[in-house]
N, C-alpha and C. Protein backbone atom coordinates (compact mmCIF):
# COMPACT_ATOMS: atom_id res chain seq x y z
N MET A 1 7.85 -65.03 -36.77
CA MET A 1 7.21 -65.91 -37.74
C MET A 1 5.81 -66.25 -37.26
N GLY A 2 4.91 -66.39 -38.19
CA GLY A 2 3.54 -66.76 -37.86
C GLY A 2 3.42 -68.25 -37.61
N SER A 3 2.25 -68.63 -37.26
CA SER A 3 2.00 -70.03 -36.93
C SER A 3 1.70 -70.88 -38.16
N GLY A 4 1.66 -70.27 -39.34
CA GLY A 4 1.37 -71.04 -40.55
C GLY A 4 -0.12 -71.19 -40.81
N LYS A 5 -0.96 -70.57 -39.98
CA LYS A 5 -2.39 -70.73 -40.17
C LYS A 5 -2.89 -70.05 -41.44
N GLY A 6 -2.21 -68.99 -41.87
CA GLY A 6 -2.62 -68.32 -43.10
C GLY A 6 -2.52 -69.26 -44.28
N ARG A 7 -1.43 -70.03 -44.33
CA ARG A 7 -1.25 -70.99 -45.40
C ARG A 7 -2.33 -72.06 -45.34
N THR A 8 -2.66 -72.50 -44.15
CA THR A 8 -3.70 -73.51 -43.99
C THR A 8 -5.05 -72.97 -44.44
N ARG A 9 -5.35 -71.72 -44.03
CA ARG A 9 -6.62 -71.12 -44.45
C ARG A 9 -6.69 -70.97 -45.96
N ARG A 10 -5.56 -70.56 -46.58
CA ARG A 10 -5.54 -70.43 -48.04
C ARG A 10 -5.77 -71.78 -48.70
N ALA A 11 -5.17 -72.81 -48.18
CA ALA A 11 -5.36 -74.15 -48.74
C ALA A 11 -6.81 -74.59 -48.59
N GLN A 12 -7.41 -74.28 -47.43
CA GLN A 12 -8.82 -74.64 -47.22
C GLN A 12 -9.71 -73.84 -48.15
N ALA A 13 -9.39 -72.58 -48.33
CA ALA A 13 -10.19 -71.73 -49.22
C ALA A 13 -10.10 -72.23 -50.65
N THR A 14 -8.90 -72.65 -51.07
CA THR A 14 -8.73 -73.18 -52.42
C THR A 14 -9.54 -74.45 -52.59
N ALA A 15 -9.49 -75.33 -51.61
CA ALA A 15 -10.26 -76.58 -51.68
C ALA A 15 -11.75 -76.28 -51.71
N ALA A 16 -12.18 -75.31 -50.92
CA ALA A 16 -13.61 -74.95 -50.89
C ALA A 16 -14.04 -74.37 -52.22
N SER A 17 -13.20 -73.53 -52.84
CA SER A 17 -13.59 -72.92 -54.11
C SER A 17 -13.67 -73.95 -55.22
N ARG A 18 -12.84 -74.99 -55.15
CA ARG A 18 -12.90 -76.04 -56.15
C ARG A 18 -14.18 -76.86 -56.03
N SER A 19 -14.70 -76.95 -54.82
CA SER A 19 -15.88 -77.78 -54.64
C SER A 19 -17.17 -76.99 -54.78
N PHE A 20 -17.09 -75.69 -55.10
CA PHE A 20 -18.30 -74.89 -55.29
C PHE A 20 -19.10 -75.45 -56.45
N ARG A 21 -20.36 -75.56 -56.25
CA ARG A 21 -21.27 -75.92 -57.33
C ARG A 21 -22.64 -75.37 -56.99
N PRO A 22 -23.34 -74.87 -57.99
CA PRO A 22 -24.69 -74.38 -57.73
C PRO A 22 -25.56 -75.51 -57.17
N ALA A 23 -26.51 -75.15 -56.33
CA ALA A 23 -27.37 -76.14 -55.68
C ALA A 23 -28.23 -76.90 -56.68
N ALA A 24 -28.59 -76.28 -57.77
CA ALA A 24 -29.44 -76.93 -58.77
C ALA A 24 -28.95 -76.52 -60.15
N PRO A 25 -29.30 -77.29 -61.17
CA PRO A 25 -28.92 -76.89 -62.52
C PRO A 25 -29.41 -75.48 -62.85
N VAL A 26 -28.59 -74.75 -63.56
CA VAL A 26 -28.93 -73.39 -63.98
C VAL A 26 -29.24 -73.43 -65.46
N ASN A 27 -30.47 -73.07 -65.83
CA ASN A 27 -30.91 -73.08 -67.22
C ASN A 27 -30.62 -74.42 -67.91
N GLY A 28 -30.80 -75.50 -67.17
CA GLY A 28 -30.63 -76.82 -67.75
C GLY A 28 -29.22 -77.35 -67.76
N PHE A 29 -28.25 -76.60 -67.24
CA PHE A 29 -26.86 -77.06 -67.17
C PHE A 29 -26.53 -77.39 -65.72
N ASP A 30 -26.20 -78.65 -65.46
CA ASP A 30 -25.86 -79.11 -64.11
C ASP A 30 -24.35 -79.07 -63.94
N TYR A 31 -23.88 -77.96 -63.37
CA TYR A 31 -22.45 -77.77 -63.19
C TYR A 31 -21.85 -78.85 -62.30
N GLY A 32 -22.60 -79.34 -61.34
CA GLY A 32 -22.10 -80.38 -60.45
C GLY A 32 -21.70 -81.64 -61.21
N LYS A 33 -22.50 -82.03 -62.18
CA LYS A 33 -22.16 -83.22 -62.98
C LYS A 33 -20.93 -82.96 -63.84
N TRP A 34 -20.81 -81.75 -64.34
CA TRP A 34 -19.61 -81.39 -65.12
C TRP A 34 -18.38 -81.44 -64.22
N ALA A 35 -18.47 -80.88 -63.03
CA ALA A 35 -17.35 -80.89 -62.08
C ALA A 35 -16.98 -82.32 -61.71
N ASP A 36 -17.97 -83.18 -61.50
CA ASP A 36 -17.70 -84.59 -61.19
C ASP A 36 -16.98 -85.28 -62.35
N PHE A 37 -17.41 -84.99 -63.57
CA PHE A 37 -16.75 -85.55 -64.76
C PHE A 37 -15.28 -85.13 -64.81
N LEU A 38 -15.03 -83.86 -64.56
CA LEU A 38 -13.65 -83.38 -64.59
C LEU A 38 -12.81 -84.02 -63.50
N ALA A 39 -13.36 -84.06 -62.29
CA ALA A 39 -12.62 -84.63 -61.16
C ALA A 39 -12.38 -86.13 -61.36
N GLY A 40 -13.39 -86.84 -61.84
CA GLY A 40 -13.27 -88.28 -62.03
C GLY A 40 -12.24 -88.66 -63.07
N GLY A 41 -12.05 -87.82 -64.06
CA GLY A 41 -11.08 -88.08 -65.11
C GLY A 41 -9.78 -87.35 -64.90
N GLU A 42 -9.65 -86.68 -63.75
CA GLU A 42 -8.48 -85.85 -63.45
C GLU A 42 -8.21 -84.88 -64.61
N LEU A 43 -9.26 -84.19 -65.01
CA LEU A 43 -9.19 -83.31 -66.17
C LEU A 43 -9.15 -81.83 -65.82
N ASP A 44 -9.23 -81.48 -64.55
CA ASP A 44 -9.30 -80.07 -64.16
C ASP A 44 -8.24 -79.22 -64.85
N ASP A 45 -7.02 -79.70 -64.89
CA ASP A 45 -5.92 -78.89 -65.39
C ASP A 45 -5.49 -79.23 -66.81
N VAL A 46 -6.30 -80.01 -67.51
CA VAL A 46 -6.02 -80.36 -68.90
C VAL A 46 -6.59 -79.27 -69.80
N SER A 47 -5.84 -78.88 -70.80
CA SER A 47 -6.31 -77.88 -71.76
C SER A 47 -7.52 -78.43 -72.51
N VAL A 48 -8.57 -77.61 -72.60
CA VAL A 48 -9.78 -78.03 -73.31
C VAL A 48 -9.45 -78.33 -74.77
N PHE A 49 -8.55 -77.59 -75.37
CA PHE A 49 -8.17 -77.83 -76.76
C PHE A 49 -7.37 -79.12 -76.88
N LYS A 50 -6.45 -79.35 -75.95
CA LYS A 50 -5.64 -80.57 -75.98
C LYS A 50 -6.53 -81.80 -75.77
N TYR A 51 -7.49 -81.71 -74.87
CA TYR A 51 -8.37 -82.84 -74.57
C TYR A 51 -9.19 -83.24 -75.80
N TYR A 52 -9.76 -82.27 -76.49
CA TYR A 52 -10.64 -82.57 -77.61
C TYR A 52 -9.93 -82.67 -78.95
N LEU A 53 -8.76 -82.06 -79.09
CA LEU A 53 -8.08 -82.05 -80.38
C LEU A 53 -6.74 -82.77 -80.38
N GLY A 54 -6.32 -83.27 -79.22
CA GLY A 54 -5.03 -83.96 -79.15
C GLY A 54 -3.89 -83.02 -79.48
N ASP A 55 -2.94 -83.50 -80.26
CA ASP A 55 -1.77 -82.70 -80.58
C ASP A 55 -2.10 -81.45 -81.38
N LYS A 56 -3.21 -81.47 -82.11
CA LYS A 56 -3.63 -80.28 -82.88
C LYS A 56 -3.99 -79.12 -81.96
N GLY A 57 -4.34 -79.43 -80.71
CA GLY A 57 -4.81 -78.40 -79.80
C GLY A 57 -3.75 -77.89 -78.85
N GLY A 58 -2.49 -78.08 -79.19
CA GLY A 58 -1.40 -77.69 -78.31
C GLY A 58 -1.31 -76.19 -78.09
N ALA A 59 -0.56 -75.83 -77.07
CA ALA A 59 -0.43 -74.42 -76.68
C ALA A 59 0.22 -73.57 -77.76
N ALA A 60 0.91 -74.20 -78.71
CA ALA A 60 1.54 -73.43 -79.78
C ALA A 60 0.49 -72.82 -80.72
N ARG A 61 -0.71 -73.39 -80.71
CA ARG A 61 -1.78 -72.86 -81.54
C ARG A 61 -2.34 -71.60 -80.89
N THR A 62 -2.90 -70.76 -81.70
CA THR A 62 -3.58 -69.57 -81.18
C THR A 62 -5.01 -69.59 -81.68
N ARG A 63 -5.84 -68.75 -81.09
CA ARG A 63 -7.22 -68.65 -81.56
C ARG A 63 -7.27 -68.28 -83.03
N GLU A 64 -6.37 -67.42 -83.41
CA GLU A 64 -6.40 -66.89 -84.76
C GLU A 64 -6.02 -67.92 -85.82
N ASN A 65 -5.16 -68.87 -85.48
CA ASN A 65 -4.71 -69.81 -86.51
C ASN A 65 -5.32 -71.21 -86.35
N MET A 66 -6.30 -71.35 -85.49
CA MET A 66 -6.96 -72.65 -85.30
C MET A 66 -7.93 -72.88 -86.46
N PRO A 67 -7.78 -73.99 -87.19
CA PRO A 67 -8.70 -74.25 -88.31
C PRO A 67 -10.15 -74.34 -87.84
N VAL A 68 -11.05 -73.83 -88.67
CA VAL A 68 -12.48 -73.83 -88.37
C VAL A 68 -12.96 -75.25 -88.07
N GLU A 69 -12.51 -76.22 -88.83
CA GLU A 69 -12.93 -77.61 -88.63
C GLU A 69 -12.59 -78.11 -87.22
N ASP A 70 -11.44 -77.70 -86.73
CA ASP A 70 -11.04 -78.11 -85.38
C ASP A 70 -11.93 -77.47 -84.32
N LEU A 71 -12.27 -76.21 -84.51
CA LEU A 71 -13.15 -75.54 -83.56
C LEU A 71 -14.53 -76.17 -83.56
N GLU A 72 -15.03 -76.52 -84.75
CA GLU A 72 -16.33 -77.18 -84.84
C GLU A 72 -16.29 -78.55 -84.17
N LYS A 73 -15.21 -79.28 -84.36
CA LYS A 73 -15.07 -80.60 -83.72
C LYS A 73 -15.05 -80.44 -82.20
N LEU A 74 -14.29 -79.47 -81.71
CA LEU A 74 -14.22 -79.24 -80.27
C LEU A 74 -15.61 -78.95 -79.71
N ALA A 75 -16.33 -78.05 -80.34
CA ALA A 75 -17.67 -77.68 -79.85
C ALA A 75 -18.60 -78.88 -79.86
N THR A 76 -18.59 -79.63 -80.94
CA THR A 76 -19.48 -80.78 -81.08
C THR A 76 -19.16 -81.84 -80.03
N GLU A 77 -17.89 -82.13 -79.82
CA GLU A 77 -17.51 -83.15 -78.85
C GLU A 77 -17.72 -82.69 -77.41
N LEU A 78 -17.49 -81.42 -77.15
CA LEU A 78 -17.77 -80.88 -75.81
C LEU A 78 -19.25 -81.03 -75.50
N PHE A 79 -20.11 -80.67 -76.44
CA PHE A 79 -21.54 -80.80 -76.22
C PHE A 79 -21.93 -82.27 -76.05
N ALA A 80 -21.37 -83.15 -76.85
CA ALA A 80 -21.66 -84.58 -76.71
C ALA A 80 -21.29 -85.09 -75.32
N ASP A 81 -20.17 -84.63 -74.80
CA ASP A 81 -19.75 -85.04 -73.45
C ASP A 81 -20.72 -84.55 -72.38
N VAL A 82 -21.13 -83.30 -72.44
CA VAL A 82 -22.02 -82.79 -71.39
C VAL A 82 -23.38 -83.47 -71.43
N VAL A 83 -23.81 -83.87 -72.62
CA VAL A 83 -25.06 -84.63 -72.73
C VAL A 83 -24.85 -86.05 -72.20
N ALA A 84 -23.74 -86.68 -72.59
CA ALA A 84 -23.48 -88.06 -72.19
C ALA A 84 -23.38 -88.22 -70.66
N ILE A 85 -22.83 -87.22 -69.99
CA ILE A 85 -22.68 -87.32 -68.53
C ILE A 85 -23.91 -86.81 -67.78
N GLY A 86 -24.89 -86.30 -68.51
CA GLY A 86 -26.11 -85.83 -67.88
C GLY A 86 -26.05 -84.41 -67.35
N ALA A 87 -25.00 -83.67 -67.70
CA ALA A 87 -24.91 -82.28 -67.26
C ALA A 87 -25.89 -81.40 -68.03
N VAL A 88 -26.26 -81.84 -69.22
CA VAL A 88 -27.31 -81.22 -70.02
C VAL A 88 -28.23 -82.35 -70.45
N GLU A 89 -29.51 -82.20 -70.17
CA GLU A 89 -30.48 -83.22 -70.57
C GLU A 89 -31.31 -82.70 -71.73
N LEU A 90 -31.47 -83.56 -72.71
CA LEU A 90 -32.28 -83.21 -73.88
C LEU A 90 -33.63 -83.89 -73.77
N PRO A 91 -34.67 -83.28 -74.34
CA PRO A 91 -36.00 -83.91 -74.32
C PRO A 91 -35.99 -85.24 -75.09
N ASP A 92 -36.94 -86.08 -74.78
CA ASP A 92 -37.09 -87.33 -75.52
C ASP A 92 -37.16 -87.03 -77.01
N GLY A 93 -36.52 -87.86 -77.79
CA GLY A 93 -36.53 -87.68 -79.24
C GLY A 93 -35.34 -86.90 -79.76
N TYR A 94 -34.53 -86.36 -78.88
CA TYR A 94 -33.35 -85.60 -79.29
C TYR A 94 -32.11 -86.22 -78.65
N SER A 95 -31.00 -86.18 -79.39
CA SER A 95 -29.72 -86.63 -78.85
C SER A 95 -28.65 -85.63 -79.27
N ALA A 96 -27.50 -85.73 -78.67
CA ALA A 96 -26.40 -84.83 -79.02
C ALA A 96 -26.05 -84.95 -80.50
N ASP A 97 -26.21 -86.14 -81.06
CA ASP A 97 -25.88 -86.36 -82.48
C ASP A 97 -26.81 -85.61 -83.43
N ASP A 98 -27.93 -85.12 -82.93
CA ASP A 98 -28.87 -84.38 -83.78
C ASP A 98 -28.41 -82.96 -84.07
N PHE A 99 -27.38 -82.52 -83.36
CA PHE A 99 -26.94 -81.12 -83.45
C PHE A 99 -25.52 -81.04 -83.97
N GLU A 100 -25.26 -79.92 -84.65
CA GLU A 100 -23.90 -79.65 -85.08
C GLU A 100 -23.59 -78.18 -84.80
N PHE A 101 -22.34 -77.92 -84.58
CA PHE A 101 -21.89 -76.57 -84.28
C PHE A 101 -21.03 -76.10 -85.44
N LYS A 102 -21.39 -74.94 -85.97
CA LYS A 102 -20.69 -74.40 -87.13
C LYS A 102 -20.10 -73.04 -86.80
N ILE A 103 -18.85 -72.88 -87.19
CA ILE A 103 -18.20 -71.57 -87.09
C ILE A 103 -18.59 -70.83 -88.36
N VAL A 104 -19.15 -69.65 -88.21
CA VAL A 104 -19.67 -68.90 -89.35
C VAL A 104 -18.96 -67.56 -89.47
N PRO A 105 -18.98 -67.00 -90.68
CA PRO A 105 -18.33 -65.70 -90.85
C PRO A 105 -18.90 -64.66 -89.89
N ASN A 106 -18.04 -63.91 -89.34
CA ASN A 106 -18.40 -62.84 -88.41
C ASN A 106 -18.45 -61.55 -89.21
N GLU A 107 -19.53 -60.80 -89.07
CA GLU A 107 -19.64 -59.55 -89.84
C GLU A 107 -18.51 -58.60 -89.51
N PHE A 108 -17.88 -58.79 -88.37
CA PHE A 108 -16.75 -57.96 -87.99
C PHE A 108 -15.43 -58.73 -88.13
N ALA A 109 -15.43 -59.79 -88.95
CA ALA A 109 -14.27 -60.69 -89.05
C ALA A 109 -12.98 -59.94 -89.36
N GLN A 110 -13.07 -58.91 -90.15
CA GLN A 110 -11.86 -58.18 -90.50
C GLN A 110 -11.26 -57.47 -89.29
N LYS A 111 -12.11 -57.11 -88.33
CA LYS A 111 -11.65 -56.35 -87.17
C LYS A 111 -11.55 -57.19 -85.90
N SER A 112 -12.11 -58.41 -85.95
CA SER A 112 -12.19 -59.22 -84.74
C SER A 112 -11.46 -60.54 -84.91
N ARG A 113 -10.82 -61.00 -83.85
CA ARG A 113 -10.18 -62.31 -83.90
C ARG A 113 -11.13 -63.40 -83.39
N TRP A 114 -12.30 -63.00 -82.92
CA TRP A 114 -13.25 -63.98 -82.39
C TRP A 114 -14.05 -64.63 -83.51
N LYS A 115 -14.48 -65.85 -83.26
CA LYS A 115 -15.25 -66.58 -84.26
C LYS A 115 -16.63 -66.89 -83.72
N ARG A 116 -17.67 -66.54 -84.49
CA ARG A 116 -19.05 -66.73 -84.09
C ARG A 116 -19.47 -68.17 -84.38
N THR A 117 -20.33 -68.71 -83.55
CA THR A 117 -20.77 -70.09 -83.68
C THR A 117 -22.28 -70.17 -83.75
N GLU A 118 -22.78 -71.08 -84.59
CA GLU A 118 -24.20 -71.38 -84.64
C GLU A 118 -24.37 -72.85 -84.31
N VAL A 119 -25.47 -73.15 -83.64
CA VAL A 119 -25.84 -74.55 -83.44
C VAL A 119 -26.97 -74.84 -84.42
N ARG A 120 -26.89 -75.99 -85.06
CA ARG A 120 -27.89 -76.35 -86.06
C ARG A 120 -28.45 -77.73 -85.77
N LEU A 121 -29.72 -77.88 -86.05
CA LEU A 121 -30.38 -79.18 -85.96
C LEU A 121 -30.20 -79.83 -87.33
N LYS A 122 -29.53 -80.95 -87.37
CA LYS A 122 -29.17 -81.57 -88.64
C LYS A 122 -30.39 -81.85 -89.52
N LYS A 123 -31.49 -82.31 -88.93
CA LYS A 123 -32.65 -82.67 -89.74
C LYS A 123 -33.44 -81.45 -90.24
N HIS A 124 -33.22 -80.28 -89.64
CA HIS A 124 -33.89 -79.05 -90.07
C HIS A 124 -32.88 -77.90 -90.01
N PRO A 125 -31.88 -77.92 -90.89
CA PRO A 125 -30.80 -76.92 -90.81
C PRO A 125 -31.25 -75.49 -91.07
N GLN A 126 -32.46 -75.32 -91.63
CA GLN A 126 -32.95 -73.97 -91.90
C GLN A 126 -33.33 -73.23 -90.61
N LEU A 127 -33.53 -73.96 -89.52
CA LEU A 127 -33.89 -73.32 -88.25
C LEU A 127 -32.63 -72.73 -87.62
N LEU A 128 -32.54 -71.40 -87.66
CA LEU A 128 -31.34 -70.75 -87.14
C LEU A 128 -31.65 -69.59 -86.20
N ASN A 129 -32.79 -68.97 -86.32
CA ASN A 129 -33.08 -67.74 -85.61
C ASN A 129 -32.79 -67.85 -84.12
N GLY A 130 -31.84 -67.05 -83.66
CA GLY A 130 -31.55 -66.99 -82.23
C GLY A 130 -30.64 -68.07 -81.72
N THR A 131 -30.10 -68.92 -82.61
CA THR A 131 -29.26 -70.01 -82.12
C THR A 131 -27.78 -69.71 -82.20
N GLU A 132 -27.43 -68.57 -82.74
CA GLU A 132 -26.03 -68.22 -82.74
C GLU A 132 -25.67 -67.68 -81.36
N PHE A 133 -24.46 -67.89 -80.95
CA PHE A 133 -24.06 -67.38 -79.64
C PHE A 133 -22.71 -66.71 -79.72
N THR A 134 -22.35 -66.12 -78.62
CA THR A 134 -21.16 -65.29 -78.57
C THR A 134 -19.96 -65.97 -79.20
N GLU A 135 -19.11 -65.16 -79.71
CA GLU A 135 -17.92 -65.65 -80.38
C GLU A 135 -17.25 -66.75 -79.56
N PHE A 136 -17.18 -67.92 -80.17
CA PHE A 136 -16.69 -69.14 -79.54
C PHE A 136 -15.31 -68.95 -78.91
N THR A 137 -14.41 -68.37 -79.67
CA THR A 137 -13.04 -68.26 -79.19
C THR A 137 -12.84 -67.14 -78.17
N TYR A 138 -13.87 -66.37 -77.92
CA TYR A 138 -13.78 -65.41 -76.83
C TYR A 138 -13.73 -66.16 -75.51
N TYR A 139 -14.48 -67.25 -75.43
CA TYR A 139 -14.55 -68.03 -74.20
C TYR A 139 -13.46 -69.07 -74.08
N LEU A 140 -13.00 -69.59 -75.20
CA LEU A 140 -12.05 -70.69 -75.15
C LEU A 140 -10.80 -70.34 -75.93
N ASP A 141 -9.66 -70.72 -75.38
CA ASP A 141 -8.42 -70.60 -76.12
C ASP A 141 -7.55 -71.82 -75.82
N PRO A 142 -6.52 -72.05 -76.61
CA PRO A 142 -5.76 -73.30 -76.50
C PRO A 142 -5.10 -73.56 -75.15
N ILE A 143 -4.86 -72.56 -74.35
CA ILE A 143 -4.20 -72.83 -73.06
C ILE A 143 -5.19 -72.92 -71.88
N MET A 144 -6.46 -72.74 -72.15
CA MET A 144 -7.47 -72.74 -71.08
C MET A 144 -7.74 -74.17 -70.62
N ASN A 145 -7.77 -74.35 -69.28
CA ASN A 145 -8.03 -75.70 -68.78
C ASN A 145 -9.52 -75.97 -68.65
N MET A 146 -9.84 -77.25 -68.53
CA MET A 146 -11.23 -77.72 -68.55
C MET A 146 -12.07 -77.14 -67.41
N LYS A 147 -11.46 -76.87 -66.25
CA LYS A 147 -12.24 -76.39 -65.11
C LYS A 147 -12.48 -74.88 -65.16
N ASN A 148 -11.89 -74.20 -66.12
CA ASN A 148 -12.05 -72.76 -66.23
C ASN A 148 -13.52 -72.40 -66.39
N MET A 149 -13.96 -71.39 -65.69
CA MET A 149 -15.37 -70.99 -65.74
C MET A 149 -15.80 -70.55 -67.14
N ASN A 150 -14.85 -70.12 -67.97
CA ASN A 150 -15.21 -69.78 -69.35
C ASN A 150 -15.71 -71.00 -70.11
N VAL A 151 -15.17 -72.17 -69.79
CA VAL A 151 -15.65 -73.40 -70.43
C VAL A 151 -17.09 -73.65 -70.00
N SER A 152 -17.37 -73.49 -68.71
CA SER A 152 -18.74 -73.65 -68.22
C SER A 152 -19.67 -72.62 -68.85
N SER A 153 -19.20 -71.40 -69.01
CA SER A 153 -20.01 -70.37 -69.67
C SER A 153 -20.31 -70.75 -71.11
N MET A 154 -19.32 -71.28 -71.78
CA MET A 154 -19.52 -71.72 -73.16
C MET A 154 -20.55 -72.83 -73.23
N ILE A 155 -20.48 -73.79 -72.29
CA ILE A 155 -21.45 -74.88 -72.24
C ILE A 155 -22.86 -74.31 -72.03
N GLY A 156 -22.97 -73.34 -71.14
CA GLY A 156 -24.27 -72.70 -70.90
C GLY A 156 -24.82 -72.05 -72.16
N GLN A 157 -23.97 -71.39 -72.93
CA GLN A 157 -24.42 -70.77 -74.18
C GLN A 157 -24.80 -71.82 -75.21
N MET A 158 -24.03 -72.89 -75.28
CA MET A 158 -24.36 -73.98 -76.20
C MET A 158 -25.74 -74.54 -75.85
N ASN A 159 -25.95 -74.77 -74.57
CA ASN A 159 -27.21 -75.32 -74.09
C ASN A 159 -28.38 -74.38 -74.40
N SER A 160 -28.19 -73.09 -74.22
CA SER A 160 -29.25 -72.13 -74.53
C SER A 160 -29.60 -72.16 -76.01
N GLY A 161 -28.58 -72.23 -76.86
CA GLY A 161 -28.82 -72.31 -78.30
C GLY A 161 -29.58 -73.57 -78.68
N VAL A 162 -29.19 -74.70 -78.08
CA VAL A 162 -29.85 -75.97 -78.36
C VAL A 162 -31.30 -75.92 -77.90
N ARG A 163 -31.55 -75.38 -76.70
CA ARG A 163 -32.92 -75.30 -76.18
C ARG A 163 -33.80 -74.41 -77.07
N SER A 164 -33.25 -73.30 -77.56
CA SER A 164 -34.00 -72.43 -78.48
C SER A 164 -34.34 -73.18 -79.76
N LEU A 165 -33.38 -73.92 -80.25
CA LEU A 165 -33.58 -74.67 -81.49
C LEU A 165 -34.63 -75.76 -81.31
N ILE A 166 -34.62 -76.44 -80.19
CA ILE A 166 -35.62 -77.47 -79.91
C ILE A 166 -37.02 -76.85 -79.85
N GLN A 167 -37.13 -75.70 -79.18
CA GLN A 167 -38.44 -75.02 -79.12
C GLN A 167 -38.93 -74.65 -80.51
N MET A 168 -38.03 -74.13 -81.35
CA MET A 168 -38.42 -73.79 -82.73
C MET A 168 -38.81 -75.02 -83.51
N ASP A 169 -38.07 -76.09 -83.34
CA ASP A 169 -38.37 -77.33 -84.05
C ASP A 169 -39.74 -77.86 -83.68
N ILE A 170 -40.03 -77.88 -82.40
CA ILE A 170 -41.34 -78.36 -81.94
C ILE A 170 -42.47 -77.45 -82.44
N ALA A 171 -42.24 -76.13 -82.40
CA ALA A 171 -43.28 -75.19 -82.86
C ALA A 171 -43.55 -75.32 -84.36
N GLU A 172 -42.49 -75.53 -85.14
CA GLU A 172 -42.66 -75.59 -86.59
C GLU A 172 -42.97 -76.98 -87.13
N ASN A 173 -42.49 -78.00 -86.45
CA ASN A 173 -42.60 -79.35 -86.99
C ASN A 173 -43.34 -80.32 -86.09
N GLY A 174 -43.82 -79.86 -84.95
CA GLY A 174 -44.51 -80.73 -84.02
C GLY A 174 -43.52 -81.56 -83.20
N LEU A 175 -44.07 -82.34 -82.32
CA LEU A 175 -43.22 -83.19 -81.48
C LEU A 175 -42.54 -84.24 -82.33
N VAL A 176 -41.34 -84.60 -81.89
CA VAL A 176 -40.58 -85.62 -82.64
C VAL A 176 -41.13 -87.01 -82.48
């Protein structure tokens, strides 16, 4: 029998991997603040769908049968949380409430189970160019927990869409 050090090393490696965070925000997303939010609320192992949708987001649901309204609510509330905790900072004059996330028809909808998402600025909904991002449900599904890197990837894409939209808004309408 071994001395048990392998188990200890595995436990240390698991603890170290949980505490990994980039040294600085990447493209405006501060993963460290997101990780702190999850740890502080003991949310690491909570399903992202269950957290934002309650009983509607249970594991019995699938990506394919999740109502569009629920997906839009999840995206909007997820973005509001990352802004509220400072993991994503918006320029002066903008707040999370200024944006909405819409699930839109996918040109490949007949062949794909994924749903495409657009972020829209409520006061200028015509600004859309470049704000759509990868199929929302590709990154998130009802059994995925909050600490899953796909959730962080989704937040990064949401943030990129919002930043593009803000740049377009400022270019077309001036500073807020």
